[in-house]
Amino acid sequence: MLPALDLILTPNRSFDRRHVPWLVGTVGVIFFIGGLRFLALGAWPILPFMAADVALLWWAFRASYAGGRGHERVVLRGDELTLHRVSPHGTEKRFGFEPLWTRVQVEETPLGDAHVFLTARGRRVRVGQFLSAPERREVGAVIATALSAYRSAGPSTSSIA
């Protein structure tokens, strides 16, 4: 039996969605109290900018969590390695590879970042762009190990034309 791999990669969100209203509300209260001070000093034109800051903070969190709906899934099953990429808007792209010819490339940058690519027969697709550098290295190692196990298990030649 051939080895199988099924990885689901999702973007990290370090701040829990349930706490966003509390944070934005707290910032809003602090800005309101500060705004009262500016109003008492006669500097009322500052108030709309403070309100805009709170609104932009709320929008930034909404945009961040909307972007977190995207994900990638790497599947090695049978004689096919597939990368399913789902955008935050729900559109899906599928990349198919022959596992016998696919290589994992981890490119290190001078600043310590790492990029992971699946390459086969002139095609090159980036994997886990939204992950941190250590996570990308780990994902690259997991995929490379699965491909190595696939090759050593003696895959069938039915997909080789």
N, C-alpha and C. Protein backbone atom coordinates (compact mmCIF):
# COMPACT_ATOMS: atom_id res chain seq x y z
N MET A 1 0.85 -1.19 0.00
CA MET A 1 0.00 0.00 0.00
C MET A 1 0.89 1.24 0.00
N LEU A 2 0.52 2.22 -0.80
CA LEU A 2 1.30 3.44 -0.91
C LEU A 2 1.03 4.38 0.26
N PRO A 3 2.03 5.14 0.68
CA PRO A 3 1.83 6.08 1.78
C PRO A 3 0.88 7.19 1.36
N ALA A 4 0.17 7.75 2.33
CA ALA A 4 -0.78 8.83 2.06
C ALA A 4 -0.42 10.04 2.91
N LEU A 5 -0.79 11.21 2.40
CA LEU A 5 -0.55 12.47 3.10
C LEU A 5 -1.78 13.33 2.91
N ASP A 6 -2.24 13.96 3.96
CA ASP A 6 -3.35 14.90 3.87
C ASP A 6 -3.11 16.04 4.85
N LEU A 7 -2.59 17.15 4.33
CA LEU A 7 -2.28 18.33 5.16
C LEU A 7 -3.26 19.44 4.86
N ILE A 8 -3.80 20.06 5.88
CA ILE A 8 -4.62 21.25 5.69
C ILE A 8 -3.87 22.41 6.34
N LEU A 9 -3.53 23.41 5.54
CA LEU A 9 -2.77 24.56 6.00
C LEU A 9 -3.70 25.77 6.10
N THR A 10 -3.75 26.38 7.28
CA THR A 10 -4.61 27.54 7.49
C THR A 10 -3.78 28.69 8.05
N PRO A 11 -4.16 29.93 7.72
CA PRO A 11 -3.43 31.08 8.26
C PRO A 11 -3.59 31.19 9.78
N ASN A 12 -2.57 31.72 10.41
CA ASN A 12 -2.60 31.91 11.86
C ASN A 12 -3.38 33.16 12.22
N ARG A 13 -4.14 33.07 13.27
CA ARG A 13 -4.80 34.23 13.85
C ARG A 13 -4.52 34.19 15.35
N SER A 14 -3.65 35.08 15.80
CA SER A 14 -3.21 35.02 17.19
C SER A 14 -4.20 35.64 18.16
N PHE A 15 -5.12 36.44 17.66
CA PHE A 15 -6.08 37.11 18.53
C PHE A 15 -7.46 36.49 18.28
N ASP A 16 -8.09 35.99 19.32
CA ASP A 16 -9.37 35.31 19.20
C ASP A 16 -10.46 36.28 18.74
N ARG A 17 -11.25 35.83 17.80
CA ARG A 17 -12.31 36.66 17.22
C ARG A 17 -13.30 37.16 18.27
N ARG A 18 -13.54 36.37 19.30
CA ARG A 18 -14.49 36.77 20.35
C ARG A 18 -14.01 37.97 21.15
N HIS A 19 -12.69 38.23 21.15
CA HIS A 19 -12.15 39.32 21.94
C HIS A 19 -12.04 40.64 21.18
N VAL A 20 -12.27 40.61 19.88
CA VAL A 20 -12.15 41.82 19.07
C VAL A 20 -13.12 42.91 19.53
N PRO A 21 -14.41 42.61 19.75
CA PRO A 21 -15.31 43.69 20.22
C PRO A 21 -14.86 44.30 21.54
N TRP A 22 -14.29 43.47 22.41
CA TRP A 22 -13.81 43.99 23.69
C TRP A 22 -12.63 44.95 23.48
N LEU A 23 -11.70 44.57 22.62
CA LEU A 23 -10.54 45.42 22.36
C LEU A 23 -10.96 46.73 21.70
N VAL A 24 -11.77 46.64 20.67
CA VAL A 24 -12.21 47.85 19.96
C VAL A 24 -13.05 48.73 20.89
N GLY A 25 -13.89 48.11 21.71
CA GLY A 25 -14.68 48.88 22.67
C GLY A 25 -13.81 49.58 23.70
N THR A 26 -12.79 48.90 24.20
CA THR A 26 -11.88 49.51 25.16
C THR A 26 -11.13 50.69 24.55
N VAL A 27 -10.63 50.49 23.33
CA VAL A 27 -9.95 51.60 22.64
C VAL A 27 -10.93 52.74 22.41
N GLY A 28 -12.17 52.43 22.04
CA GLY A 28 -13.18 53.46 21.84
C GLY A 28 -13.46 54.25 23.10
N VAL A 29 -13.55 53.56 24.24
CA VAL A 29 -13.80 54.26 25.53
C VAL A 29 -12.61 55.16 25.87
N ILE A 30 -11.40 54.65 25.70
CA ILE A 30 -10.21 55.46 26.00
C ILE A 30 -10.17 56.69 25.10
N PHE A 31 -10.46 56.50 23.81
CA PHE A 31 -10.48 57.63 22.88
C PHE A 31 -11.60 58.60 23.22
N PHE A 32 -12.76 58.09 23.68
CA PHE A 32 -13.87 58.97 24.06
C PHE A 32 -13.48 59.84 25.25
N ILE A 33 -12.84 59.23 26.25
CA ILE A 33 -12.39 60.01 27.42
C ILE A 33 -11.34 61.04 27.01
N GLY A 34 -10.40 60.62 26.17
CA GLY A 34 -9.41 61.57 25.66
C GLY A 34 -10.06 62.65 24.81
N GLY A 35 -11.10 62.28 24.06
CA GLY A 35 -11.82 63.24 23.22
C GLY A 35 -12.53 64.29 24.05
N LEU A 36 -13.05 63.87 25.21
CA LEU A 36 -13.69 64.85 26.10
C LEU A 36 -12.68 65.88 26.58
N ARG A 37 -11.48 65.45 26.83
CA ARG A 37 -10.42 66.37 27.25
C ARG A 37 -10.10 67.36 26.13
N PHE A 38 -9.97 66.86 24.90
CA PHE A 38 -9.71 67.76 23.77
C PHE A 38 -10.89 68.71 23.54
N LEU A 39 -12.12 68.21 23.73
CA LEU A 39 -13.30 69.06 23.57
C LEU A 39 -13.29 70.18 24.61
N ALA A 40 -12.91 69.86 25.85
CA ALA A 40 -12.85 70.87 26.91
C ALA A 40 -11.77 71.91 26.62
N LEU A 41 -10.72 71.51 25.93
CA LEU A 41 -9.65 72.45 25.57
C LEU A 41 -9.96 73.24 24.31
N GLY A 42 -11.07 72.91 23.65
CA GLY A 42 -11.45 73.62 22.45
C GLY A 42 -10.85 73.04 21.19
N ALA A 43 -10.28 71.88 21.27
CA ALA A 43 -9.66 71.24 20.11
C ALA A 43 -10.61 70.19 19.54
N TRP A 44 -11.85 70.58 19.28
CA TRP A 44 -12.88 69.66 18.80
C TRP A 44 -12.57 69.01 17.45
N PRO A 45 -11.77 69.63 16.55
CA PRO A 45 -11.52 68.95 15.26
C PRO A 45 -10.78 67.61 15.39
N ILE A 46 -10.23 67.33 16.56
CA ILE A 46 -9.52 66.06 16.75
C ILE A 46 -10.51 64.90 16.90
N LEU A 47 -11.72 65.16 17.34
CA LEU A 47 -12.70 64.10 17.61
C LEU A 47 -13.02 63.24 16.39
N PRO A 48 -13.27 63.81 15.20
CA PRO A 48 -13.55 62.93 14.05
C PRO A 48 -12.38 62.01 13.70
N PHE A 49 -11.15 62.49 13.91
CA PHE A 49 -10.00 61.64 13.63
C PHE A 49 -9.89 60.49 14.63
N MET A 50 -10.26 60.75 15.86
CA MET A 50 -10.25 59.67 16.86
C MET A 50 -11.32 58.64 16.53
N ALA A 51 -12.48 59.09 16.11
CA ALA A 51 -13.55 58.17 15.71
C ALA A 51 -13.12 57.35 14.48
N ALA A 52 -12.44 58.02 13.55
CA ALA A 52 -11.95 57.31 12.36
C ALA A 52 -10.92 56.25 12.75
N ASP A 53 -10.09 56.54 13.74
CA ASP A 53 -9.11 55.55 14.21
C ASP A 53 -9.79 54.29 14.74
N VAL A 54 -10.85 54.47 15.51
CA VAL A 54 -11.57 53.31 16.06
C VAL A 54 -12.24 52.53 14.93
N ALA A 55 -12.84 53.25 13.97
CA ALA A 55 -13.49 52.58 12.84
C ALA A 55 -12.46 51.81 12.00
N LEU A 56 -11.29 52.40 11.78
CA LEU A 56 -10.25 51.71 11.01
C LEU A 56 -9.71 50.48 11.75
N LEU A 57 -9.64 50.56 13.08
CA LEU A 57 -9.22 49.40 13.87
C LEU A 57 -10.22 48.26 13.69
N TRP A 58 -11.51 48.58 13.76
CA TRP A 58 -12.55 47.57 13.57
C TRP A 58 -12.45 46.98 12.16
N TRP A 59 -12.27 47.82 11.14
CA TRP A 59 -12.17 47.35 9.75
C TRP A 59 -10.94 46.45 9.57
N ALA A 60 -9.81 46.83 10.20
CA ALA A 60 -8.59 46.04 10.06
C ALA A 60 -8.77 44.63 10.62
N PHE A 61 -9.44 44.51 11.76
CA PHE A 61 -9.69 43.18 12.32
C PHE A 61 -10.64 42.38 11.42
N ARG A 62 -11.67 43.03 10.89
CA ARG A 62 -12.59 42.32 10.00
C ARG A 62 -11.87 41.83 8.75
N ALA A 63 -11.01 42.69 8.17
CA ALA A 63 -10.26 42.29 6.97
C ALA A 63 -9.29 41.15 7.28
N SER A 64 -8.66 41.19 8.44
CA SER A 64 -7.73 40.14 8.83
C SER A 64 -8.45 38.80 8.97
N TYR A 65 -9.59 38.77 9.62
CA TYR A 65 -10.31 37.52 9.80
C TYR A 65 -10.95 37.05 8.50
N ALA A 66 -11.33 37.97 7.62
CA ALA A 66 -11.83 37.57 6.30
C ALA A 66 -10.73 36.90 5.50
N GLY A 67 -9.51 37.43 5.59
CA GLY A 67 -8.37 36.83 4.89
C GLY A 67 -8.01 35.47 5.46
N GLY A 68 -8.37 35.21 6.68
CA GLY A 68 -8.06 33.93 7.32
C GLY A 68 -8.95 32.79 6.88
N ARG A 69 -9.97 33.09 6.06
CA ARG A 69 -10.85 32.02 5.58
C ARG A 69 -10.19 31.19 4.47
N GLY A 70 -9.13 31.70 3.87
CA GLY A 70 -8.42 30.95 2.83
C GLY A 70 -7.60 29.83 3.45
N HIS A 71 -7.36 28.80 2.68
CA HIS A 71 -6.54 27.69 3.18
C HIS A 71 -5.99 26.90 2.00
N GLU A 72 -5.09 26.00 2.29
CA GLU A 72 -4.51 25.10 1.30
C GLU A 72 -4.57 23.68 1.84
N ARG A 73 -4.71 22.74 0.93
CA ARG A 73 -4.73 21.33 1.31
C ARG A 73 -3.80 20.57 0.38
N VAL A 74 -2.86 19.86 0.95
CA VAL A 74 -1.90 19.05 0.19
C VAL A 74 -2.27 17.59 0.43
N VAL A 75 -2.56 16.88 -0.67
CA VAL A 75 -3.01 15.49 -0.57
C VAL A 75 -2.14 14.61 -1.47
N LEU A 76 -1.58 13.56 -0.88
CA LEU A 76 -0.86 12.53 -1.62
C LEU A 76 -1.63 11.24 -1.43
N ARG A 77 -2.29 10.83 -2.50
CA ARG A 77 -3.11 9.63 -2.42
C ARG A 77 -3.02 8.90 -3.75
N GLY A 78 -2.76 7.63 -3.69
CA GLY A 78 -2.63 6.87 -4.93
C GLY A 78 -1.41 7.34 -5.70
N ASP A 79 -1.62 7.64 -6.96
CA ASP A 79 -0.53 8.09 -7.82
C ASP A 79 -0.64 9.58 -8.12
N GLU A 80 -1.16 10.36 -7.19
CA GLU A 80 -1.32 11.79 -7.46
C GLU A 80 -1.06 12.61 -6.20
N LEU A 81 -0.34 13.70 -6.40
CA LEU A 81 -0.13 14.70 -5.36
C LEU A 81 -0.90 15.94 -5.81
N THR A 82 -1.83 16.41 -4.99
CA THR A 82 -2.62 17.58 -5.36
C THR A 82 -2.49 18.66 -4.31
N LEU A 83 -2.52 19.89 -4.79
CA LEU A 83 -2.56 21.07 -3.94
C LEU A 83 -3.85 21.78 -4.26
N HIS A 84 -4.74 21.86 -3.27
CA HIS A 84 -6.00 22.59 -3.41
C HIS A 84 -5.82 23.91 -2.68
N ARG A 85 -5.95 25.00 -3.40
CA ARG A 85 -5.81 26.34 -2.81
C ARG A 85 -7.16 27.03 -2.86
N VAL A 86 -7.69 27.39 -1.67
CA VAL A 86 -8.97 28.08 -1.58
C VAL A 86 -8.68 29.51 -1.12
N SER A 87 -9.13 30.48 -1.91
CA SER A 87 -8.90 31.89 -1.57
C SER A 87 -9.87 32.30 -0.47
N PRO A 88 -9.64 33.44 0.17
CA PRO A 88 -10.58 33.91 1.20
C PRO A 88 -11.99 34.15 0.65
N HIS A 89 -12.11 34.33 -0.67
CA HIS A 89 -13.41 34.57 -1.29
C HIS A 89 -14.11 33.28 -1.69
N GLY A 90 -13.43 32.14 -1.53
CA GLY A 90 -14.03 30.85 -1.81
C GLY A 90 -13.67 30.25 -3.16
N THR A 91 -12.93 30.95 -3.99
CA THR A 91 -12.54 30.36 -5.27
C THR A 91 -11.42 29.35 -5.04
N GLU A 92 -11.50 28.24 -5.76
CA GLU A 92 -10.54 27.15 -5.55
C GLU A 92 -9.71 26.93 -6.81
N LYS A 93 -8.42 26.71 -6.59
CA LYS A 93 -7.51 26.30 -7.66
C LYS A 93 -6.93 24.96 -7.27
N ARG A 94 -6.76 24.10 -8.26
CA ARG A 94 -6.22 22.77 -8.00
C ARG A 94 -4.97 22.58 -8.86
N PHE A 95 -3.90 22.14 -8.23
CA PHE A 95 -2.66 21.85 -8.92
C PHE A 95 -2.36 20.37 -8.72
N GLY A 96 -2.22 19.65 -9.82
CA GLY A 96 -1.93 18.22 -9.75
C GLY A 96 -0.48 17.93 -10.14
N PHE A 97 0.14 17.02 -9.43
CA PHE A 97 1.53 16.65 -9.69
C PHE A 97 1.66 15.13 -9.70
N GLU A 98 2.63 14.64 -10.44
CA GLU A 98 2.99 13.23 -10.38
C GLU A 98 4.02 13.09 -9.25
N PRO A 99 3.72 12.35 -8.22
CA PRO A 99 4.62 12.29 -7.06
C PRO A 99 6.00 11.73 -7.36
N LEU A 100 6.09 10.92 -8.37
CA LEU A 100 7.39 10.34 -8.71
C LEU A 100 8.37 11.41 -9.20
N TRP A 101 7.86 12.46 -9.83
CA TRP A 101 8.71 13.49 -10.42
C TRP A 101 8.71 14.78 -9.61
N THR A 102 7.91 14.88 -8.60
CA THR A 102 7.78 16.12 -7.83
C THR A 102 8.88 16.24 -6.79
N ARG A 103 9.42 17.42 -6.69
CA ARG A 103 10.44 17.74 -5.69
C ARG A 103 9.95 18.89 -4.83
N VAL A 104 10.40 18.91 -3.59
CA VAL A 104 10.11 20.01 -2.67
C VAL A 104 11.36 20.87 -2.58
N GLN A 105 11.20 22.15 -2.88
CA GLN A 105 12.31 23.09 -2.78
C GLN A 105 12.02 24.07 -1.65
N VAL A 106 12.93 24.16 -0.71
CA VAL A 106 12.84 25.16 0.36
C VAL A 106 13.94 26.17 0.11
N GLU A 107 13.53 27.37 -0.27
CA GLU A 107 14.50 28.43 -0.57
C GLU A 107 14.64 29.34 0.63
N GLU A 108 15.84 29.46 1.12
CA GLU A 108 16.14 30.34 2.24
C GLU A 108 16.52 31.72 1.70
N THR A 109 16.01 32.77 2.33
CA THR A 109 16.38 34.12 1.94
C THR A 109 17.48 34.64 2.87
N PRO A 110 18.20 35.67 2.46
CA PRO A 110 19.26 36.21 3.33
C PRO A 110 18.74 36.74 4.68
N LEU A 111 17.46 37.10 4.74
CA LEU A 111 16.90 37.64 5.98
C LEU A 111 16.33 36.55 6.90
N GLY A 112 16.52 35.28 6.54
CA GLY A 112 16.07 34.19 7.41
C GLY A 112 14.69 33.67 7.08
N ASP A 113 14.06 34.17 6.04
CA ASP A 113 12.75 33.68 5.63
C ASP A 113 12.93 32.42 4.78
N ALA A 114 11.88 31.67 4.62
CA ALA A 114 11.94 30.45 3.81
C ALA A 114 10.69 30.39 2.94
N HIS A 115 10.86 29.92 1.71
CA HIS A 115 9.74 29.74 0.79
C HIS A 115 9.75 28.30 0.33
N VAL A 116 8.58 27.67 0.30
CA VAL A 116 8.46 26.26 -0.09
C VAL A 116 7.75 26.19 -1.44
N PHE A 117 8.34 25.40 -2.36
CA PHE A 117 7.77 25.22 -3.69
C PHE A 117 7.67 23.73 -4.00
N LEU A 118 6.62 23.36 -4.71
CA LEU A 118 6.51 22.04 -5.30
C LEU A 118 6.89 22.22 -6.77
N THR A 119 7.86 21.45 -7.25
CA THR A 119 8.31 21.58 -8.64
C THR A 119 8.25 20.22 -9.32
N ALA A 120 7.80 20.25 -10.56
CA ALA A 120 7.76 19.04 -11.37
C ALA A 120 7.57 19.42 -12.82
N ARG A 121 8.46 18.92 -13.67
CA ARG A 121 8.34 19.07 -15.11
C ARG A 121 8.11 20.52 -15.55
N GLY A 122 8.92 21.41 -15.03
CA GLY A 122 8.85 22.81 -15.43
C GLY A 122 7.82 23.65 -14.69
N ARG A 123 6.99 23.04 -13.87
CA ARG A 123 6.00 23.79 -13.09
C ARG A 123 6.52 24.00 -11.69
N ARG A 124 6.18 25.15 -11.15
CA ARG A 124 6.65 25.49 -9.80
C ARG A 124 5.51 26.21 -9.09
N VAL A 125 5.06 25.65 -7.95
CA VAL A 125 3.94 26.22 -7.22
C VAL A 125 4.36 26.43 -5.77
N ARG A 126 4.08 27.62 -5.26
CA ARG A 126 4.42 27.96 -3.88
C ARG A 126 3.39 27.38 -2.92
N VAL A 127 3.86 26.90 -1.79
CA VAL A 127 3.00 26.27 -0.79
C VAL A 127 3.10 27.03 0.53
N GLY A 128 1.97 27.28 1.17
CA GLY A 128 1.94 27.85 2.51
C GLY A 128 2.49 29.25 2.63
N GLN A 129 2.17 30.09 1.68
CA GLN A 129 2.70 31.46 1.68
C GLN A 129 2.29 32.24 2.93
N PHE A 130 1.15 31.91 3.52
CA PHE A 130 0.63 32.63 4.67
C PHE A 130 1.20 32.12 5.99
N LEU A 131 2.01 31.08 5.96
CA LEU A 131 2.59 30.52 7.19
C LEU A 131 3.87 31.27 7.56
N SER A 132 4.31 31.10 8.80
CA SER A 132 5.58 31.66 9.23
C SER A 132 6.72 30.82 8.65
N ALA A 133 7.93 31.36 8.65
CA ALA A 133 9.08 30.66 8.08
C ALA A 133 9.34 29.30 8.74
N PRO A 134 9.32 29.18 10.07
CA PRO A 134 9.53 27.84 10.66
C PRO A 134 8.43 26.86 10.28
N GLU A 135 7.19 27.34 10.18
CA GLU A 135 6.10 26.45 9.77
C GLU A 135 6.27 26.00 8.33
N ARG A 136 6.71 26.91 7.46
CA ARG A 136 6.94 26.53 6.05
C ARG A 136 8.04 25.48 5.95
N ARG A 137 9.11 25.65 6.74
CA ARG A 137 10.18 24.65 6.73
C ARG A 137 9.65 23.28 7.17
N GLU A 138 8.83 23.29 8.21
CA GLU A 138 8.26 22.04 8.72
C GLU A 138 7.34 21.39 7.68
N VAL A 139 6.50 22.20 7.03
CA VAL A 139 5.60 21.66 6.00
C VAL A 139 6.41 21.09 4.84
N GLY A 140 7.46 21.81 4.44
CA GLY A 140 8.32 21.31 3.37
C GLY A 140 8.94 19.97 3.73
N ALA A 141 9.39 19.83 4.97
CA ALA A 141 9.99 18.56 5.41
C ALA A 141 8.96 17.43 5.43
N VAL A 142 7.74 17.73 5.87
CA VAL A 142 6.69 16.71 5.91
C VAL A 142 6.34 16.23 4.50
N ILE A 143 6.20 17.17 3.57
CA ILE A 143 5.87 16.79 2.19
C ILE A 143 7.03 16.00 1.57
N ALA A 144 8.26 16.46 1.80
CA ALA A 144 9.42 15.76 1.25
C ALA A 144 9.52 14.34 1.82
N THR A 145 9.25 14.16 3.09
CA THR A 145 9.28 12.83 3.70
C THR A 145 8.21 11.94 3.09
N ALA A 146 7.01 12.48 2.89
CA ALA A 146 5.93 11.68 2.29
C ALA A 146 6.27 11.28 0.86
N LEU A 147 6.86 12.21 0.10
CA LEU A 147 7.25 11.88 -1.28
C LEU A 147 8.36 10.84 -1.30
N SER A 148 9.30 10.94 -0.37
CA SER A 148 10.38 9.97 -0.28
C SER A 148 9.83 8.58 0.06
N ALA A 149 8.88 8.54 0.99
CA ALA A 149 8.26 7.26 1.34
C ALA A 149 7.49 6.70 0.15
N TYR A 150 6.84 7.56 -0.61
CA TYR A 150 6.11 7.13 -1.80
C TYR A 150 7.06 6.49 -2.81
N ARG A 151 8.18 7.15 -3.04
CA ARG A 151 9.15 6.63 -4.02
C ARG A 151 9.76 5.31 -3.55
N SER A 152 10.04 5.17 -2.27
CA SER A 152 10.64 3.93 -1.77
C SER A 152 9.65 2.79 -1.68
N ALA A 153 8.34 3.11 -1.68
CA ALA A 153 7.32 2.06 -1.62
C ALA A 153 7.08 1.42 -2.97
N GLY A 154 7.75 1.95 -4.02
CA GLY A 154 7.60 1.36 -5.35
C GLY A 154 6.26 1.67 -5.96
N PRO A 155 6.03 2.91 -6.36
CA PRO A 155 4.72 3.29 -6.92
C PRO A 155 4.45 2.54 -8.22
N SER A 156 3.20 2.43 -8.55
CA SER A 156 2.85 1.77 -9.81
C SER A 156 3.25 2.66 -10.97
N THR A 157 3.45 2.07 -12.09
CA THR A 157 3.84 2.83 -13.29
C THR A 157 2.64 3.15 -14.15
N SER A 158 1.43 2.98 -13.62
CA SER A 158 0.24 3.22 -14.43
C SER A 158 0.07 4.69 -14.79
N SER A 159 0.61 5.61 -13.98
CA SER A 159 0.43 7.03 -14.28
C SER A 159 1.55 7.57 -15.16
N ILE A 160 2.57 6.76 -15.42
CA ILE A 160 3.69 7.21 -16.25
C ILE A 160 3.37 6.87 -17.70
N ALA A 161 3.27 7.91 -18.52
CA ALA A 161 2.92 7.66 -19.92
C ALA A 161 4.11 7.92 -20.81
